[in-house]
Structures are given as C-alpha cells and as structure tokens.
C-alpha atoms as a PDB file:
ATOM      1  CA  UNK A   1       0.000   0.000   0.000  1.00  0.00           C
ATOM      2  CA  UNK A   2       1.375   3.383  -0.990  1.00  0.00           C
ATOM      3  CA  UNK A   3       1.965   5.624   2.018  1.00  0.00           C
ATOM      4  CA  UNK A   4      -0.310   8.599   2.497  1.00  0.00           C
ATOM      5  CA  UNK A   5      -0.987  10.513   5.739  1.00  0.00           C
ATOM      6  CA  UNK A   6      -4.518   9.090   5.687  1.00  0.00           C
ATOM      7  CA  UNK A   7      -2.966   5.660   6.379  1.00  0.00           C
ATOM      8  CA  UNK A   8      -1.255   6.853   9.579  1.00  0.00           C
ATOM      9  CA  UNK A   9      -2.299   5.364  12.900  1.00  0.00           C
ATOM     10  CA  UNK A  10      -2.018   8.697  14.714  1.00  0.00           C
ATOM     11  CA  UNK A  11      -3.928  11.920  13.967  1.00  0.00           C
ATOM     12  CA  UNK A  12      -0.719  13.845  14.710  1.00  0.00           C
ATOM     13  CA  UNK A  13       0.898  12.744  11.451  1.00  0.00           C
ATOM     14  CA  UNK A  14      -2.304  11.700   9.725  1.00  0.00           C
ATOM     15  CA  UNK A  15      -5.282  14.045   9.809  1.00  0.00           C
ATOM     16  CA  UNK A  16      -3.148  16.955  11.004  1.00  0.00           C
ATOM     17  CA  UNK A  17      -0.093  16.205   8.860  1.00  0.00           C
ATOM     18  CA  UNK A  18      -0.315  19.537   7.034  1.00  0.00           C
ATOM     19  CA  UNK A  19       0.103  21.279  10.379  1.00  0.00           C
ATOM     20  CA  UNK A  20       2.679  18.959  11.907  1.00  0.00           C
ATOM     21  CA  UNK A  21       4.842  17.966   8.920  1.00  0.00           C
ATOM     22  CA  UNK A  22       7.603  20.308  10.096  1.00  0.00           C
ATOM     23  CA  UNK A  23       8.082  18.199  13.213  1.00  0.00           C
ATOM     24  CA  UNK A  24       9.150  15.183  11.146  1.00  0.00           C
ATOM     25  CA  UNK A  25      12.436  17.009  10.550  1.00  0.00           C
ATOM     26  CA  UNK A  26      13.142  16.534  14.248  1.00  0.00           C
ATOM     27  CA  UNK A  27      11.113  13.575  15.532  1.00  0.00           C
ATOM     28  CA  UNK A  28      10.776  11.014  12.733  1.00  0.00           C
ATOM     29  CA  UNK A  29      12.836   7.830  12.659  1.00  0.00           C
ATOM     30  CA  UNK A  30      14.757   9.360   9.757  1.00  0.00           C
ATOM     31  CA  UNK A  31      15.596  12.324  11.981  1.00  0.00           C
ATOM     32  CA  UNK A  32      16.761  10.084  14.831  1.00  0.00           C
ATOM     33  CA  UNK A  33      19.036   8.122  12.507  1.00  0.00           C
ATOM     34  CA  UNK A  34      20.434  11.335  11.028  1.00  0.00           C
ATOM     35  CA  UNK A  35      21.164  12.821  14.452  1.00  0.00           C
ATOM     36  CA  UNK A  36      22.895   9.591  15.492  1.00  0.00           C
ATOM     37  CA  UNK A  37      25.081   9.852  12.403  1.00  0.00           C
ATOM     38  CA  UNK A  38      25.836  13.470  13.327  1.00  0.00           C
ATOM     39  CA  UNK A  39      26.991  12.557  16.843  1.00  0.00           C
ATOM     40  CA  UNK A  40      29.153   9.661  15.630  1.00  0.00           C
ATOM     41  CA  UNK A  41      30.825  11.865  13.020  1.00  0.00           C
ATOM     42  CA  UNK A  42      31.444  14.756  15.393  1.00  0.00           C
ATOM     43  CA  UNK A  43      32.890  12.343  17.949  1.00  0.00           C
ATOM     44  CA  UNK A  44      35.296  10.836  15.420  1.00  0.00           C
ATOM     45  CA  UNK A  45      36.409  14.306  14.286  1.00  0.00           C
ATOM     46  CA  UNK A  46      36.972  15.280  17.932  1.00  0.00           C
ATOM     47  CA  UNK A  47      39.207  12.212  18.382  1.00  0.00           C
ATOM     48  CA  UNK A  48      41.179  13.219  15.286  1.00  0.00           C
ATOM     49  CA  UNK A  49      41.646  16.729  16.638  1.00  0.00           C
ATOM     50  CA  UNK A  50      42.664  15.467  20.095  1.00  0.00           C
ATOM     51  CA  UNK A  51      44.591  13.631  18.544  1.00  0.00           C
ATOM     52  CA  UNK A  52      44.776   9.977  19.465  1.00  0.00           C
ATOM     53  CA  UNK A  53      48.129   8.448  18.522  1.00  0.00           C
ATOM     54  CA  UNK A  54      46.537   6.136  15.958  1.00  0.00           C
ATOM     55  CA  UNK A  55      44.697   9.043  14.353  1.00  0.00           C
ATOM     56  CA  UNK A  56      47.645  11.413  13.957  1.00  0.00           C
ATOM     57  CA  UNK A  57      48.129  10.180  10.400  1.00  0.00           C
ATOM     58  CA  UNK A  58      44.506  10.841   9.474  1.00  0.00           C
ATOM     59  CA  UNK A  59      44.449  13.122   6.403  1.00  0.00           C
ATOM     60  CA  UNK A  60      42.854  16.322   7.671  1.00  0.00           C
ATOM     61  CA  UNK A  61      41.559  17.189   4.206  1.00  0.00           C
ATOM     62  CA  UNK A  62      39.228  14.198   4.562  1.00  0.00           C
ATOM     63  CA  UNK A  63      37.431  15.729   7.550  1.00  0.00           C
ATOM     64  CA  UNK A  64      35.258  17.740   5.173  1.00  0.00           C
ATOM     65  CA  UNK A  65      34.304  14.544   3.342  1.00  0.00           C
ATOM     66  CA  UNK A  66      33.328  12.904   6.624  1.00  0.00           C
ATOM     67  CA  UNK A  67      31.191  15.844   7.709  1.00  0.00           C
ATOM     68  CA  UNK A  68      29.412  15.731   4.353  1.00  0.00           C
ATOM     69  CA  UNK A  69      28.154  12.247   5.237  1.00  0.00           C
ATOM     70  CA  UNK A  70      25.828  14.024   7.646  1.00  0.00           C
ATOM     71  CA  UNK A  71      25.232  17.157   5.615  1.00  0.00           C
ATOM     72  CA  UNK A  72      24.231  15.129   2.551  1.00  0.00           C
ATOM     73  CA  UNK A  73      22.413  12.419   4.499  1.00  0.00           C
ATOM     74  CA  UNK A  74      19.520  11.096   2.428  1.00  0.00           C
ATOM     75  CA  UNK A  75      16.518   8.839   2.687  1.00  0.00           C
ATOM     76  CA  UNK A  76      18.539   6.226   0.809  1.00  0.00           C
ATOM     77  CA  UNK A  77      21.220   6.438   3.509  1.00  0.00           C
ATOM     78  CA  UNK A  78      18.634   5.950   6.252  1.00  0.00           C
ATOM     79  CA  UNK A  79      17.172   2.967   4.417  1.00  0.00           C
ATOM     80  CA  UNK A  80      20.658   1.481   4.063  1.00  0.00           C
ATOM     81  CA  UNK A  81      21.057   1.731   7.836  1.00  0.00           C
ATOM     82  CA  UNK A  82      17.693   0.019   8.289  1.00  0.00           C
ATOM     83  CA  UNK A  83      18.869  -2.699   5.912  1.00  0.00           C
ATOM     84  CA  UNK A  84      22.026  -3.229   7.977  1.00  0.00           C
ATOM     85  CA  UNK A  85      19.899  -3.326  11.129  1.00  0.00           C
ATOM     86  CA  UNK A  86      17.997  -6.305   9.769  1.00  0.00           C
ATOM     87  CA  UNK A  87      21.270  -8.211  10.173  1.00  0.00           C
ATOM     88  CA  UNK A  88      22.650  -6.615  13.350  1.00  0.00           C
ATOM     89  CA  UNK A  89      19.264  -6.338  15.077  1.00  0.00           C
ATOM     90  CA  UNK A  90      20.827  -3.279  16.729  1.00  0.00           C
ATOM     91  CA  UNK A  91      19.984   0.219  15.554  1.00  0.00           C
ATOM     92  CA  UNK A  92      23.077   2.095  16.773  1.00  0.00           C
ATOM     93  CA  UNK A  93      25.469  -0.633  15.623  1.00  0.00           C
ATOM     94  CA  UNK A  94      23.885  -0.351  12.190  1.00  0.00           C
ATOM     95  CA  UNK A  95      24.863   3.331  12.133  1.00  0.00           C
ATOM     96  CA  UNK A  96      28.455   2.385  12.960  1.00  0.00           C
ATOM     97  CA  UNK A  97      28.595  -0.181  10.135  1.00  0.00           C
ATOM     98  CA  UNK A  98      27.062   2.329   7.734  1.00  0.00           C
ATOM     99  CA  UNK A  99      29.779   4.841   8.581  1.00  0.00           C
ATOM    100  CA  UNK A 100      32.450   2.210   8.023  1.00  0.00           C
ATOM    101  CA  UNK A 101      31.051   1.715   4.530  1.00  0.00           C
ATOM    102  CA  UNK A 102      31.243   5.449   3.941  1.00  0.00           C
ATOM    103  CA  UNK A 103      34.802   5.602   5.285  1.00  0.00           C
ATOM    104  CA  UNK A 104      35.795   2.952   2.762  1.00  0.00           C
ATOM    105  CA  UNK A 105      34.298   4.996  -0.070  1.00  0.00           C
ATOM    106  CA  UNK A 106      36.170   8.075   1.140  1.00  0.00           C
ATOM    107  CA  UNK A 107      39.399   6.101   1.361  1.00  0.00           C
ATOM    108  CA  UNK A 108      39.985   6.255   5.115  1.00  0.00           C
ATOM    109  CA  UNK A 109      38.857   2.746   6.037  1.00  0.00           C
ATOM    110  CA  UNK A 110      42.099   2.103   7.947  1.00  0.00           C
ATOM    111  CA  UNK A 111      40.837   4.510  10.624  1.00  0.00           C
ATOM    112  CA  UNK A 112      37.274   3.210  10.789  1.00  0.00           C
ATOM    113  CA  UNK A 113      37.750   1.122  13.953  1.00  0.00           C
ATOM    114  CA  UNK A 114      37.791   4.383  15.901  1.00  0.00           C
ATOM    115  CA  UNK A 115      34.193   5.092  14.949  1.00  0.00           C
ATOM    116  CA  UNK A 116      32.199   4.688  18.185  1.00  0.00           C
ATOM    117  CA  UNK A 117      35.467   4.148  20.125  1.00  0.00           C
ATOM    118  CA  UNK A 118      34.792   3.403  23.799  1.00  0.00           C
ATOM    119  CA  UNK A 119      31.129   4.359  23.616  1.00  0.00           C
ATOM    120  CA  UNK A 120      27.889   2.636  24.488  1.00  0.00           C
ATOM    121  CA  UNK A 121      24.695   3.078  22.502  1.00  0.00           C
ATOM    122  CA  UNK A 122      23.286   5.430  25.103  1.00  0.00           C
ATOM    123  CA  UNK A 123      26.158   7.855  24.531  1.00  0.00           C
ATOM    124  CA  UNK A 124      24.740   8.251  21.040  1.00  0.00           C
ATOM    125  CA  UNK A 125      21.049   8.122  21.959  1.00  0.00           C
ATOM    126  CA  UNK A 126      21.391  10.403  24.978  1.00  0.00           C
ATOM    127  CA  UNK A 127      23.046  13.051  22.829  1.00  0.00           C
ATOM    128  CA  UNK A 128      20.906  12.578  19.705  1.00  0.00           C
ATOM    129  CA  UNK A 129      17.622  12.926  21.612  1.00  0.00           C
ATOM    130  CA  UNK A 130      18.448  16.253  23.303  1.00  0.00           C
ATOM    131  CA  UNK A 131      19.832  17.572  19.998  1.00  0.00           C
ATOM    132  CA  UNK A 132      16.531  16.728  18.313  1.00  0.00           C
ATOM    133  CA  UNK A 133      14.538  18.393  21.073  1.00  0.00           C
ATOM    134  CA  UNK A 134      16.827  21.434  21.270  1.00  0.00           C
ATOM    135  CA  UNK A 135      16.683  22.089  17.538  1.00  0.00           C
ATOM    136  CA  UNK A 136      12.906  21.697  17.474  1.00  0.00           C
ATOM    137  CA  UNK A 137      12.434  24.020  20.424  1.00  0.00           C
ATOM    138  CA  UNK A 138      14.788  26.670  19.050  1.00  0.00           C
ATOM    139  CA  UNK A 139      13.793  26.465  15.397  1.00  0.00           C
ATOM    140  CA  UNK A 140      10.056  25.751  15.634  1.00  0.00           C
ATOM    141  CA  UNK A 141       8.479  25.885  19.088  1.00  0.00           C
ATOM    142  CA  UNK A 142       9.923  29.130  20.467  1.00  0.00           C
ATOM    143  CA  UNK A 143       9.441  31.090  17.206  1.00  0.00           C
ATOM    144  CA  UNK A 144       5.813  29.948  16.936  1.00  0.00           C
ATOM    145  CA  UNK A 145       5.116  30.796  20.559  1.00  0.00           C
ATOM    146  CA  UNK A 146       6.740  34.204  20.037  1.00  0.00           C
ATOM    147  CA  UNK A 147       4.578  34.737  16.951  1.00  0.00           C
ATOM    148  CA  UNK A 148       1.427  33.874  18.910  1.00  0.00           C
ATOM    149  CA  UNK A 149       2.469  36.235  21.678  1.00  0.00           C
ATOM    150  CA  UNK A 150       3.105  39.022  19.152  1.00  0.00           C
ATOM    151  CA  UNK A 151      -0.328  38.483  17.600  1.00  0.00           C
ATOM    152  CA  UNK A 152      -1.975  38.743  21.012  1.00  0.00           C
ATOM    153  CA  UNK A 153       0.001  41.904  21.801  1.00  0.00           C
ATOM    154  CA  UNK A 154      -1.047  43.498  18.512  1.00  0.00           C
ATOM    155  CA  UNK A 155      -4.704  42.641  19.089  1.00  0.00           C
ATOM    156  CA  UNK A 156      -4.514  43.870  22.678  1.00  0.00           C
ATOM    157  CA  UNK A 157      -3.107  47.187  21.475  1.00  0.00           C
ATOM    158  CA  UNK A 158      -5.780  47.491  18.790  1.00  0.00           C
ATOM    159  CA  UNK A 159      -8.551  46.756  21.292  1.00  0.00           C
ATOM    160  CA  UNK A 160      -7.101  48.542  24.315  1.00  0.00           C
ATOM    161  CA  UNK A 161      -9.994  51.005  24.479  1.00  0.00           C
ATOM    162  CA  UNK A 162     -12.842  48.554  23.948  1.00  0.00           C
ATOM    163  CA  UNK A 163     -14.804  48.059  27.190  1.00  0.00           C
ATOM    164  CA  UNK A 164     -16.467  44.787  28.045  1.00  0.00           C
ATOM    165  CA  UNK A 165     -18.333  43.321  30.956  1.00  0.00           C
ATOM    166  CA  UNK A 166     -16.137  40.999  32.979  1.00  0.00           C
ATOM    167  CA  UNK A 167     -17.572  37.939  34.648  1.00  0.00           C
ATOM    168  CA  UNK A 168     -16.698  36.098  37.832  1.00  0.00           C
ATOM    169  CA  UNK A 169     -18.287  32.763  38.695  1.00  0.00           C
ATOM    170  CA  UNK A 170     -19.880  33.064  35.259  1.00  0.00           C
ATOM    171  CA  UNK A 171     -21.925  36.067  36.388  1.00  0.00           C
ATOM    172  CA  UNK A 172     -21.736  39.730  35.307  1.00  0.00           C
ATOM    173  CA  UNK A 173     -19.120  41.620  37.347  1.00  0.00           C
ATOM    174  CA  UNK A 174     -17.118  44.868  37.029  1.00  0.00           C
ATOM    175  CA  UNK A 175     -16.176  46.335  33.635  1.00  0.00           C
ATOM    176  CA  UNK A 176     -12.838  45.526  32.027  1.00  0.00           C
ATOM    177  CA  UNK A 177     -10.996  46.232  28.786  1.00  0.00           C
ATOM    178  CA  UNK A 178     -10.779  43.677  25.984  1.00  0.00           C
ATOM    179  CA  UNK A 179      -7.116  44.457  25.321  1.00  0.00           C
ATOM    180  CA  UNK A 180      -6.204  43.890  28.963  1.00  0.00           C
ATOM    181  CA  UNK A 181      -7.902  40.502  28.988  1.00  0.00           C
ATOM    182  CA  UNK A 182      -5.709  39.367  26.093  1.00  0.00           C
ATOM    183  CA  UNK A 183      -2.587  40.674  27.835  1.00  0.00           C
ATOM    184  CA  UNK A 184      -3.319  38.297  30.713  1.00  0.00           C
ATOM    185  CA  UNK A 185      -2.328  35.449  28.401  1.00  0.00           C
ATOM    186  CA  UNK A 186       0.724  37.278  27.070  1.00  0.00           C
ATOM    187  CA  UNK A 187       1.982  37.804  30.610  1.00  0.00           C
ATOM    188  CA  UNK A 188       1.414  34.174  31.552  1.00  0.00           C
ATOM    189  CA  UNK A 189       3.121  32.880  28.404  1.00  0.00           C
ATOM    190  CA  UNK A 190       6.141  35.149  28.854  1.00  0.00           C
ATOM    191  CA  UNK A 191       6.643  34.075  32.458  1.00  0.00           C
ATOM    192  CA  UNK A 192       6.560  30.394  31.557  1.00  0.00           C
ATOM    193  CA  UNK A 193       8.882  30.915  28.600  1.00  0.00           C
ATOM    194  CA  UNK A 194      11.335  32.624  30.936  1.00  0.00           C
ATOM    195  CA  UNK A 195      11.344  29.542  33.146  1.00  0.00           C
ATOM    196  CA  UNK A 196      11.621  27.243  30.127  1.00  0.00           C
ATOM    197  CA  UNK A 197      14.699  29.067  28.806  1.00  0.00           C
ATOM    198  CA  UNK A 198      16.542  28.169  32.020  1.00  0.00           C
ATOM    199  CA  UNK A 199      16.150  24.410  31.486  1.00  0.00           C
ATOM    200  CA  UNK A 200      19.338  22.955  29.953  1.00  0.00           C
ATOM    201  CA  UNK A 201      19.310  20.355  27.216  1.00  0.00           C
ATOM    202  CA  UNK A 202      21.135  17.671  29.160  1.00  0.00           C
ATOM    203  CA  UNK A 203      23.131  14.850  27.611  1.00  0.00           C
ATOM    204  CA  UNK A 204      24.866  11.768  28.946  1.00  0.00           C
ATOM    205  CA  UNK A 205      28.264  10.888  27.497  1.00  0.00           C
ATOM    206  CA  UNK A 206      30.373   8.633  29.694  1.00  0.00           C
ATOM    207  CA  UNK A 207      30.724   5.118  28.366  1.00  0.00           C
ATOM    208  CA  UNK A 208      29.079   1.867  29.385  1.00  0.00           C
ATOM    209  CA  UNK A 209      28.531   2.742  33.054  1.00  0.00           C
ATOM    210  CA  UNK A 210      29.132   6.485  33.061  1.00  0.00           C
ATOM    211  CA  UNK A 211      32.800   6.263  34.122  1.00  0.00           C
ATOM    212  CA  UNK A 212      34.616   6.358  30.746  1.00  0.00           C
ATOM    213  CA  UNK A 213      36.268   3.072  31.742  1.00  0.00           C
ATOM    214  CA  UNK A 214      37.178   1.935  28.227  1.00  0.00           C
ATOM    215  CA  UNK A 215      38.666   5.321  27.395  1.00  0.00           C
ATOM    216  CA  UNK A 216      40.907   5.383  30.458  1.00  0.00           C
ATOM    217  CA  UNK A 217      41.868   1.726  30.010  1.00  0.00           C
ATOM    218  CA  UNK A 218      43.041   2.407  26.456  1.00  0.00           C
ATOM    219  CA  UNK A 219      44.592   5.849  27.024  1.00  0.00           C
ATOM    220  CA  UNK A 220      45.127   6.435  30.758  1.00  0.00           C
ATOM    221  CA  UNK A 221      47.089   9.655  30.264  1.00  0.00           C
ATOM    222  CA  UNK A 222      44.310  11.541  28.480  1.00  0.00           C
ATOM    223  CA  UNK A 223      41.878  13.705  30.454  1.00  0.00           C
ATOM    224  CA  UNK A 224      38.773  11.986  29.159  1.00  0.00           C
ATOM    225  CA  UNK A 225      36.443  13.768  31.558  1.00  0.00           C
ATOM    226  CA  UNK A 226      37.661  17.094  30.212  1.00  0.00           C
ATOM    227  CA  UNK A 227      37.352  15.766  26.667  1.00  0.00           C
ATOM    228  CA  UNK A 228      33.764  14.608  27.250  1.00  0.00           C
ATOM    229  CA  UNK A 229      32.840  17.945  28.844  1.00  0.00           C
ATOM    230  CA  UNK A 230      34.293  19.892  25.925  1.00  0.00           C
ATOM    231  CA  UNK A 231      32.738  17.625  23.312  1.00  0.00           C
ATOM    232  CA  UNK A 232      29.215  17.747  24.720  1.00  0.00           C
ATOM    233  CA  UNK A 233      29.216  21.342  25.964  1.00  0.00           C
ATOM    234  CA  UNK A 234      31.067  23.045  23.108  1.00  0.00           C
ATOM    235  CA  UNK A 235      30.922  20.809  20.028  1.00  0.00           C
ATOM    236  CA  UNK A 236      27.352  19.550  20.445  1.00  0.00           C
ATOM    237  CA  UNK A 237      26.342  22.634  22.468  1.00  0.00           C
ATOM    238  CA  UNK A 238      24.427  20.608  25.026  1.00  0.00           C
ATOM    239  CA  UNK A 239      24.851  20.377  28.796  1.00  0.00           C
ATOM    240  CA  UNK A 240      26.775  17.278  29.878  1.00  0.00           C
ATOM    241  CA  UNK A 241      25.448  15.382  32.881  1.00  0.00           C
ATOM    242  CA  UNK A 242      28.743  14.386  34.483  1.00  0.00           C
ATOM    243  CA  UNK A 243      27.557  11.922  37.131  1.00  0.00           C
ATOM    244  CA  UNK A 244      25.368   9.261  35.552  1.00  0.00           C
ATOM    245  CA  UNK A 245      24.839   5.543  35.108  1.00  0.00           C
ATOM    246  CA  UNK A 246      24.744   4.129  31.575  1.00  0.00           C
ATOM    247  CA  UNK A 247      21.863   6.433  30.727  1.00  0.00           C
ATOM    248  CA  UNK A 248      20.863  10.056  31.093  1.00  0.00           C
ATOM    249  CA  UNK A 249      18.533  10.511  34.065  1.00  0.00           C
ATOM    250  CA  UNK A 250      16.114  12.634  31.993  1.00  0.00           C
ATOM    251  CA  UNK A 251      15.252  15.009  34.845  1.00  0.00           C
ATOM    252  CA  UNK A 252      15.680  18.090  32.667  1.00  0.00           C
ATOM    253  CA  UNK A 253      13.719  16.470  29.855  1.00  0.00           C
ATOM    254  CA  UNK A 254      10.930  15.919  32.379  1.00  0.00           C
ATOM    255  CA  UNK A 255      11.229  19.551  33.481  1.00  0.00           C
ATOM    256  CA  UNK A 256      10.882  20.679  29.873  1.00  0.00           C
ATOM    257  CA  UNK A 257       7.808  18.478  29.450  1.00  0.00           C
ATOM    258  CA  UNK A 258       6.280  19.952  32.594  1.00  0.00           C
ATOM    259  CA  UNK A 259       6.983  23.452  31.302  1.00  0.00           C
ATOM    260  CA  UNK A 260       5.329  22.683  27.971  1.00  0.00           C
ATOM    261  CA  UNK A 261       2.372  21.252  29.887  1.00  0.00           C
ATOM    262  CA  UNK A 262       1.954  24.539  31.773  1.00  0.00           C
ATOM    263  CA  UNK A 263       2.059  26.524  28.540  1.00  0.00           C
ATOM    264  CA  UNK A 264      -0.520  24.143  27.071  1.00  0.00           C
ATOM    265  CA  UNK A 265      -2.742  24.850  30.072  1.00  0.00           C
ATOM    266  CA  UNK A 266      -2.449  28.587  29.396  1.00  0.00           C
ATOM    267  CA  UNK A 267      -3.375  28.054  25.756  1.00  0.00           C
ATOM    268  CA  UNK A 268      -6.333  25.873  26.750  1.00  0.00           C
ATOM    269  CA  UNK A 269      -7.540  28.763  28.916  1.00  0.00           C
ATOM    270  CA  UNK A 270      -7.143  31.094  25.926  1.00  0.00           C
ATOM    271  CA  UNK A 271      -9.179  28.751  23.718  1.00  0.00           C
ATOM    272  CA  UNK A 272     -11.940  28.466  26.308  1.00  0.00           C
ATOM    273  CA  UNK A 273     -12.118  32.213  26.886  1.00  0.00           C
ATOM    274  CA  UNK A 274     -12.292  32.918  23.155  1.00  0.00           C
ATOM    275  CA  UNK A 275     -14.987  30.240  22.797  1.00  0.00           C
ATOM    276  CA  UNK A 276     -16.943  31.995  25.561  1.00  0.00           C
ATOM    277  CA  UNK A 277     -16.467  35.450  24.004  1.00  0.00           C
ATOM    278  CA  UNK A 278     -17.808  34.067  20.715  1.00  0.00           C
ATOM    279  CA  UNK A 279     -20.835  32.555  22.461  1.00  0.00           C
ATOM    280  CA  UNK A 280     -21.455  35.913  24.174  1.00  0.00           C
ATOM    281  CA  UNK A 281     -21.129  37.624  20.776  1.00  0.00           C
ATOM    282  CA  UNK A 282     -18.136  39.775  21.657  1.00  0.00           C
ATOM    283  CA  UNK A 283     -16.617  38.207  18.550  1.00  0.00           C
ATOM    284  CA  UNK A 284     -18.214  37.038  15.338  1.00  0.00           C
ATOM    285  CA  UNK A 285     -16.841  34.363  13.054  1.00  0.00           C
ATOM    286  CA  UNK A 286     -16.263  34.841   9.364  1.00  0.00           C
ATOM    287  CA  UNK A 287     -17.921  32.423   7.015  1.00  0.00           C
ATOM    288  CA  UNK A 288     -16.039  30.804   4.158  1.00  0.00           C
ATOM    289  CA  UNK A 289     -17.746  29.840   0.938  1.00  0.00           C
ATOM    290  CA  UNK A 290     -18.237  26.102   0.740  1.00  0.00           C
ATOM    291  CA  UNK A 291     -17.713  25.426   4.449  1.00  0.00           C
ATOM    292  CA  UNK A 292     -20.503  23.742   6.410  1.00  0.00           C
ATOM    293  CA  UNK A 293     -21.000  24.628  10.072  1.00  0.00           C
ATOM    294  CA  UNK A 294     -23.422  21.836  10.849  1.00  0.00           C
ATOM    295  CA  UNK A 295     -24.722  18.784   9.016  1.00  0.00           C
ATOM    296  CA  UNK A 296     -28.251  19.657  10.191  1.00  0.00           C
ATOM    297  CA  UNK A 297     -28.243  23.430  10.835  1.00  0.00           C
ATOM    298  CA  UNK A 298     -26.714  25.288   7.872  1.00  0.00           C
ATOM    299  CA  UNK A 299     -26.921  28.693   9.566  1.00  0.00           C
ATOM    300  CA  UNK A 300     -24.332  27.727  12.195  1.00  0.00           C
ATOM    301  CA  UNK A 301     -20.647  28.651  12.260  1.00  0.00           C
ATOM    302  CA  UNK A 302     -19.096  26.668  15.080  1.00  0.00           C
ATOM    303  CA  UNK A 303     -15.830  27.702  16.822  1.00  0.00           C
ATOM    304  CA  UNK A 304     -14.226  24.427  15.774  1.00  0.00           C
ATOM    305  CA  UNK A 305     -10.668  25.770  15.559  1.00  0.00           C
ATOM    306  CA  UNK A 306     -10.685  26.743  19.234  1.00  0.00           C
ATOM    307  CA  UNK A 307     -12.359  23.469  20.169  1.00  0.00           C
ATOM    308  CA  UNK A 308      -9.841  21.497  18.135  1.00  0.00           C
ATOM    309  CA  UNK A 309      -6.920  23.418  19.611  1.00  0.00           C
ATOM    310  CA  UNK A 310      -8.224  22.807  23.135  1.00  0.00           C
ATOM    311  CA  UNK A 311      -8.445  19.089  22.487  1.00  0.00           C
ATOM    312  CA  UNK A 312      -4.949  18.880  21.032  1.00  0.00           C
ATOM    313  CA  UNK A 313      -3.405  20.944  23.825  1.00  0.00           C
END
C-alpha cells in the first residue's frame, strides 16, 4: 500500500499532517538516525583533533568529506542503515557499520575502527535525543510561541480602548478592557517561557557505566572527563550530565515536558475564553464559501478551531 498521511495510525501525522509535517524534521525515525550519524561523526572528528596516537596520520583534508556524510544524508542512507539493522538487530550498531562503509568509499577505512570508540549506545542516543529536542524548540516551538504572543500583543493594542463586561463565577461583574484581557495570556506565556529558557538540554556521554572506563583503560594519560565535557558542551552545544549511570537521568527532559504542559494549560484557557467570548457575541466568526458549520443546521458557524486546539493541547 502506498503511504499517504490518511494511512497513519495517529492523527498527529495523519489528519493533522499539514500542520505537523515540520516536526518530522526533528522527531521522525529518519531524523533520529540522522542525528545519530551526526553525533558519531562529530565524535570521530573530535578524536582526530585530540589527537589519538593512531589518528595522527589521518588526512585532515578528509574531515570535510566525513562531515558531508551528515550534511548530505539522504533517505537512501537511512534505508541502508535500516537494511544493515535487519542483520545486526541493533539500531546504533547499524549506524556504525554504515559509517564504516562510507569511510571505505572516502578512502579512510584504515581509521574506521575508531568510529564509536569506547562508547555505548546510550552515549549516542542520549546526545541525539536532546539535539533533536533542542533544535525543534529553538527552530520551531519558540518562534511559533513568540509569533502567537506578538499576535496577542497586537490585538490587545488594537482593542485597548474597547470596554467589556467581565464575569466572575460566570456572572456579570465589574467592567474591564478587551485588550487587557488578552494581555493576561501574554503575561502568563512570557513568564513560563522565561522559566523554560533556564532548562538545559542535558546529555549523557560517559561510556558503558558512566565512568569512561574503556577510554581510560586504552589511554590512561588523556583527560577523558575534560574531553567529554568539551565535546558535549562546546561541540554539540548541550549540557553534559557528568555523574550518571549508563543512561541520562532525563530530569531536565521531564522539566521541559512539565513546562510545555503549563504553557498548554495557558493556551487551553485562551481557547476556552475565546470560545466563551464568541458565544457571548463579543466576537463574530467569518464564514467561508463552501464550508458547512453543521450537518443539520446550515446557519451555524461553530468555533471548531478553538475546540480542536483545546483538544490537542
């Protein structure tokens, strides 16, 4: 069966694909594989620049070719990794074998045993995942939230002199200003975004049990802790969790999720208030030719966008 969003098992990438397609750049399986390739390549380049004794002879002009493996990463490359995985039955190992194939094509296969040197799979996963989340947050989520905030500010300024009857407990209360009511949401969003900005994108990078044992066993005179700190903090631009087990403890990822949940709650409140203002006829909805508001009552224009947004939040 040919793939189409209508065949998806989730509304997120099925019914709402037109609105969520941008997220596949960051959260699809293709994206995960690509980010794993990125981490493996950057790690190998960092070992070359260290340099390890066995990598001193690595031709530096080939570094550009290695980086292009990531920059030119294609669907065909991802499918090749999936093909390798059918043999290895191990997703990260398949990435390593794929890179060894690429090294052979580039002509540096004699150095390929240092791909993934001393690492465990979670050193790749626990850096790839925060990179995916960081890039999505910085390139999609924050800009869209800023754009929403700007729209609310502009509407609040336009309607700053429009009086309306406020309600408490659902009953008529003191007067208020329409613009001020919208600024309530701007203020709430900005405060939560300020808290969200303080949450680091944490990454684990410390070998099989978090102690860099294999690294120190092979090269005891190298400051591997300093190397790992520099690699994660400055090359990948994440925040290295220094004291871990084999895996990242995910506390900051949980904090980010909680922060997003609070912002979703604010946006649910916005949807509900706008729904109420429409029902009280403070706002009217524009009709679009061809659209049907009700299967039985053609005169209706339902606030389905706010209802849909509330449900998805």
